[in-house]
N, C-alpha and C. Protein backbone atom coordinates (compact mmCIF):
# COMPACT_ATOMS: atom_id res chain seq x y z
N UNK A 1 -32.10 113.30 -135.14
CA UNK A 1 -32.74 113.42 -136.43
C UNK A 1 -34.23 113.13 -136.28
N UNK A 2 -35.05 113.99 -136.78
CA UNK A 2 -36.49 113.77 -136.73
C UNK A 2 -36.90 112.88 -137.89
N UNK A 3 -37.60 111.82 -137.56
CA UNK A 3 -38.10 110.92 -138.58
C UNK A 3 -39.36 111.51 -139.20
N UNK A 4 -39.46 111.46 -140.50
CA UNK A 4 -40.64 111.91 -141.21
C UNK A 4 -41.41 110.68 -141.62
N UNK A 5 -42.71 110.69 -141.43
CA UNK A 5 -43.54 109.56 -141.83
C UNK A 5 -43.45 109.41 -143.34
N UNK A 6 -42.89 108.28 -143.80
CA UNK A 6 -42.68 108.10 -145.23
C UNK A 6 -43.98 108.01 -146.00
N UNK A 7 -45.06 107.66 -145.35
CA UNK A 7 -46.34 107.58 -146.07
C UNK A 7 -46.83 108.96 -146.48
N UNK A 8 -46.31 110.01 -145.83
CA UNK A 8 -46.70 111.38 -146.18
C UNK A 8 -45.93 111.89 -147.39
N UNK A 9 -44.87 111.21 -147.79
CA UNK A 9 -44.00 111.73 -148.85
C UNK A 9 -44.20 111.03 -150.19
N UNK A 10 -45.13 110.11 -150.28
CA UNK A 10 -45.34 109.40 -151.53
C UNK A 10 -45.33 107.91 -151.33
N UNK A 11 -45.56 107.20 -152.38
CA UNK A 11 -45.67 105.75 -152.30
C UNK A 11 -44.34 105.04 -152.39
N UNK A 12 -44.45 103.74 -152.55
CA UNK A 12 -43.27 102.89 -152.63
C UNK A 12 -42.67 102.96 -154.03
N UNK A 13 -41.38 103.15 -154.08
CA UNK A 13 -40.65 103.22 -155.35
C UNK A 13 -40.24 101.81 -155.78
N UNK A 14 -39.98 101.66 -157.05
CA UNK A 14 -39.37 100.44 -157.59
C UNK A 14 -38.02 100.86 -158.16
N UNK A 15 -36.97 100.14 -157.73
CA UNK A 15 -35.62 100.50 -158.13
C UNK A 15 -34.90 99.34 -158.81
N UNK A 16 -33.91 99.67 -159.61
CA UNK A 16 -32.94 98.70 -160.11
C UNK A 16 -31.65 99.03 -159.38
N UNK A 17 -31.15 98.05 -158.63
CA UNK A 17 -29.96 98.28 -157.81
C UNK A 17 -28.71 98.00 -158.64
N UNK A 18 -27.83 98.96 -158.67
CA UNK A 18 -26.59 98.89 -159.43
C UNK A 18 -25.41 98.96 -158.46
N UNK A 19 -24.20 98.76 -158.98
CA UNK A 19 -23.00 98.89 -158.14
C UNK A 19 -22.82 100.35 -157.74
N UNK A 20 -23.01 100.65 -156.47
CA UNK A 20 -22.80 102.00 -155.95
C UNK A 20 -23.89 103.00 -156.25
N UNK A 21 -24.96 102.59 -156.88
CA UNK A 21 -26.05 103.51 -157.24
C UNK A 21 -27.31 102.69 -157.50
N UNK A 22 -28.40 103.38 -157.72
CA UNK A 22 -29.63 102.71 -158.11
C UNK A 22 -30.36 103.56 -159.13
N UNK A 23 -31.20 102.91 -159.90
CA UNK A 23 -31.98 103.57 -160.95
C UNK A 23 -33.45 103.45 -160.57
N UNK A 24 -34.17 104.57 -160.62
CA UNK A 24 -35.59 104.58 -160.28
C UNK A 24 -36.39 104.06 -161.48
N UNK A 25 -37.11 102.99 -161.27
CA UNK A 25 -37.98 102.40 -162.29
C UNK A 25 -39.38 103.00 -162.19
N UNK A 26 -39.89 103.06 -160.95
CA UNK A 26 -41.17 103.71 -160.66
C UNK A 26 -40.94 104.65 -159.49
N UNK A 27 -41.26 105.94 -159.65
CA UNK A 27 -40.99 106.90 -158.59
C UNK A 27 -41.77 106.62 -157.32
N UNK A 28 -41.21 107.05 -156.23
CA UNK A 28 -41.82 106.92 -154.92
C UNK A 28 -40.89 107.50 -153.89
N UNK A 29 -41.30 107.45 -152.64
CA UNK A 29 -40.52 108.05 -151.57
C UNK A 29 -39.67 107.04 -150.81
N UNK A 30 -39.97 105.75 -150.96
CA UNK A 30 -39.29 104.75 -150.15
C UNK A 30 -39.30 103.40 -150.85
N UNK A 31 -38.48 102.48 -150.32
CA UNK A 31 -38.50 101.07 -150.70
C UNK A 31 -38.61 100.27 -149.41
N UNK A 32 -38.95 99.01 -149.54
CA UNK A 32 -39.08 98.15 -148.36
C UNK A 32 -37.83 97.29 -148.19
N UNK A 33 -37.42 97.15 -146.95
CA UNK A 33 -36.31 96.26 -146.61
C UNK A 33 -36.77 94.83 -146.91
N UNK A 34 -35.96 94.07 -147.64
CA UNK A 34 -36.30 92.70 -148.01
C UNK A 34 -36.35 91.76 -146.81
N UNK A 35 -35.70 92.12 -145.73
CA UNK A 35 -35.65 91.26 -144.55
C UNK A 35 -36.68 91.67 -143.51
N UNK A 36 -36.74 92.95 -143.19
CA UNK A 36 -37.60 93.41 -142.09
C UNK A 36 -38.95 93.92 -142.55
N UNK A 37 -39.06 94.30 -143.82
CA UNK A 37 -40.31 94.87 -144.33
C UNK A 37 -40.47 96.35 -144.00
N UNK A 38 -39.51 96.92 -143.29
CA UNK A 38 -39.58 98.35 -142.95
C UNK A 38 -39.37 99.22 -144.17
N UNK A 39 -40.07 100.35 -144.21
CA UNK A 39 -39.86 101.30 -145.28
C UNK A 39 -38.56 102.05 -145.09
N UNK A 40 -37.84 102.25 -146.19
CA UNK A 40 -36.57 102.98 -146.16
C UNK A 40 -36.71 104.18 -147.10
N UNK A 41 -36.72 105.40 -146.57
CA UNK A 41 -36.77 106.58 -147.45
C UNK A 41 -35.59 106.55 -148.42
N UNK A 42 -35.82 106.91 -149.66
CA UNK A 42 -34.75 106.83 -150.67
C UNK A 42 -33.52 107.63 -150.27
N UNK A 43 -33.70 108.75 -149.59
CA UNK A 43 -32.53 109.54 -149.20
C UNK A 43 -31.75 108.91 -148.05
N UNK A 44 -32.27 107.82 -147.47
CA UNK A 44 -31.56 107.10 -146.40
C UNK A 44 -31.10 105.72 -146.86
N UNK A 45 -31.37 105.36 -148.09
CA UNK A 45 -31.02 104.04 -148.61
C UNK A 45 -29.51 103.95 -148.83
N UNK A 46 -28.85 103.04 -148.12
CA UNK A 46 -27.40 102.87 -148.21
C UNK A 46 -26.98 101.44 -148.50
N UNK A 47 -27.87 100.47 -148.26
CA UNK A 47 -27.49 99.06 -148.34
C UNK A 47 -28.45 98.31 -149.25
N UNK A 48 -27.87 97.58 -150.24
CA UNK A 48 -28.68 96.75 -151.13
C UNK A 48 -27.79 95.68 -151.75
N UNK A 49 -28.44 94.73 -152.40
CA UNK A 49 -27.74 93.69 -153.11
C UNK A 49 -28.04 93.81 -154.59
N UNK A 50 -26.99 93.94 -155.39
CA UNK A 50 -27.16 93.98 -156.83
C UNK A 50 -27.60 92.60 -157.32
N UNK A 51 -26.98 91.55 -156.80
CA UNK A 51 -27.29 90.18 -157.23
C UNK A 51 -28.73 89.80 -156.92
N UNK A 52 -29.21 90.17 -155.74
CA UNK A 52 -30.56 89.79 -155.32
C UNK A 52 -31.60 90.85 -155.64
N UNK A 53 -31.14 92.06 -155.99
CA UNK A 53 -32.04 93.18 -156.26
C UNK A 53 -32.97 93.43 -155.07
N UNK A 54 -32.33 93.58 -153.89
CA UNK A 54 -33.04 93.81 -152.64
C UNK A 54 -32.40 94.96 -151.88
N UNK A 55 -33.23 95.67 -151.13
CA UNK A 55 -32.76 96.75 -150.25
C UNK A 55 -32.75 96.26 -148.81
N UNK A 56 -31.87 96.87 -148.00
CA UNK A 56 -31.75 96.52 -146.58
C UNK A 56 -31.73 97.79 -145.74
N UNK A 57 -32.33 97.72 -144.58
CA UNK A 57 -32.48 98.88 -143.71
C UNK A 57 -31.16 99.34 -143.10
N UNK A 58 -30.23 98.41 -142.87
CA UNK A 58 -28.94 98.78 -142.27
C UNK A 58 -27.89 97.72 -142.59
N UNK A 59 -26.65 97.99 -142.18
CA UNK A 59 -25.53 97.10 -142.49
C UNK A 59 -25.71 95.72 -141.84
N UNK A 60 -26.18 95.69 -140.61
CA UNK A 60 -26.37 94.42 -139.91
C UNK A 60 -27.37 93.54 -140.64
N UNK A 61 -28.46 94.12 -141.09
CA UNK A 61 -29.48 93.37 -141.82
C UNK A 61 -28.94 92.88 -143.16
N UNK A 62 -28.16 93.71 -143.83
CA UNK A 62 -27.54 93.32 -145.09
C UNK A 62 -26.60 92.13 -144.89
N UNK A 63 -25.76 92.20 -143.88
CA UNK A 63 -24.83 91.11 -143.58
C UNK A 63 -25.59 89.83 -143.27
N UNK A 64 -26.62 89.93 -142.45
CA UNK A 64 -27.42 88.76 -142.07
C UNK A 64 -28.00 88.10 -143.32
N UNK A 65 -28.56 88.90 -144.23
CA UNK A 65 -29.16 88.36 -145.46
C UNK A 65 -28.10 87.69 -146.33
N UNK A 66 -26.94 88.31 -146.48
CA UNK A 66 -25.88 87.72 -147.29
C UNK A 66 -25.40 86.40 -146.69
N UNK A 67 -25.34 86.32 -145.37
CA UNK A 67 -24.95 85.07 -144.71
C UNK A 67 -26.00 83.99 -144.95
N UNK A 68 -27.29 84.35 -144.88
CA UNK A 68 -28.37 83.39 -145.14
C UNK A 68 -28.28 82.85 -146.56
N UNK A 69 -28.04 83.72 -147.51
CA UNK A 69 -27.95 83.31 -148.92
C UNK A 69 -26.75 82.39 -149.11
N UNK A 70 -25.63 82.72 -148.51
CA UNK A 70 -24.42 81.89 -148.64
C UNK A 70 -24.65 80.51 -148.03
N UNK A 71 -25.26 80.46 -146.86
CA UNK A 71 -25.54 79.17 -146.21
C UNK A 71 -26.51 78.35 -147.04
N UNK A 72 -27.52 78.97 -147.56
CA UNK A 72 -28.51 78.29 -148.39
C UNK A 72 -27.86 77.72 -149.65
N UNK A 73 -26.98 78.47 -150.24
CA UNK A 73 -26.30 78.04 -151.45
C UNK A 73 -25.39 76.85 -151.16
N UNK A 74 -24.76 76.81 -149.99
CA UNK A 74 -23.92 75.67 -149.61
C UNK A 74 -24.75 74.41 -149.38
N UNK A 75 -25.93 74.57 -148.80
CA UNK A 75 -26.81 73.42 -148.54
C UNK A 75 -27.33 72.80 -149.82
N UNK A 76 -27.47 73.60 -150.87
CA UNK A 76 -28.04 73.11 -152.12
C UNK A 76 -27.00 72.58 -153.10
N UNK A 77 -25.81 72.39 -152.63
CA UNK A 77 -24.75 71.86 -153.51
C UNK A 77 -24.76 70.36 -153.50
């Protein structure tokens, strides 16, 4: 797959993450991964958290973030 430079396709979008879908608040070509800071083209966006309203670049990064949140929540009890 040839990667297209996301900066050529428009700016950063703002989304509302829903269960199984997302709603575009401000149009754009990509969102940023909450963990890595990498741009994720909207047509490649597959992983996000509804509770945290964050996008993730891949499944591994999503799992890592959810584990961090769970551990943090246990420490603050």
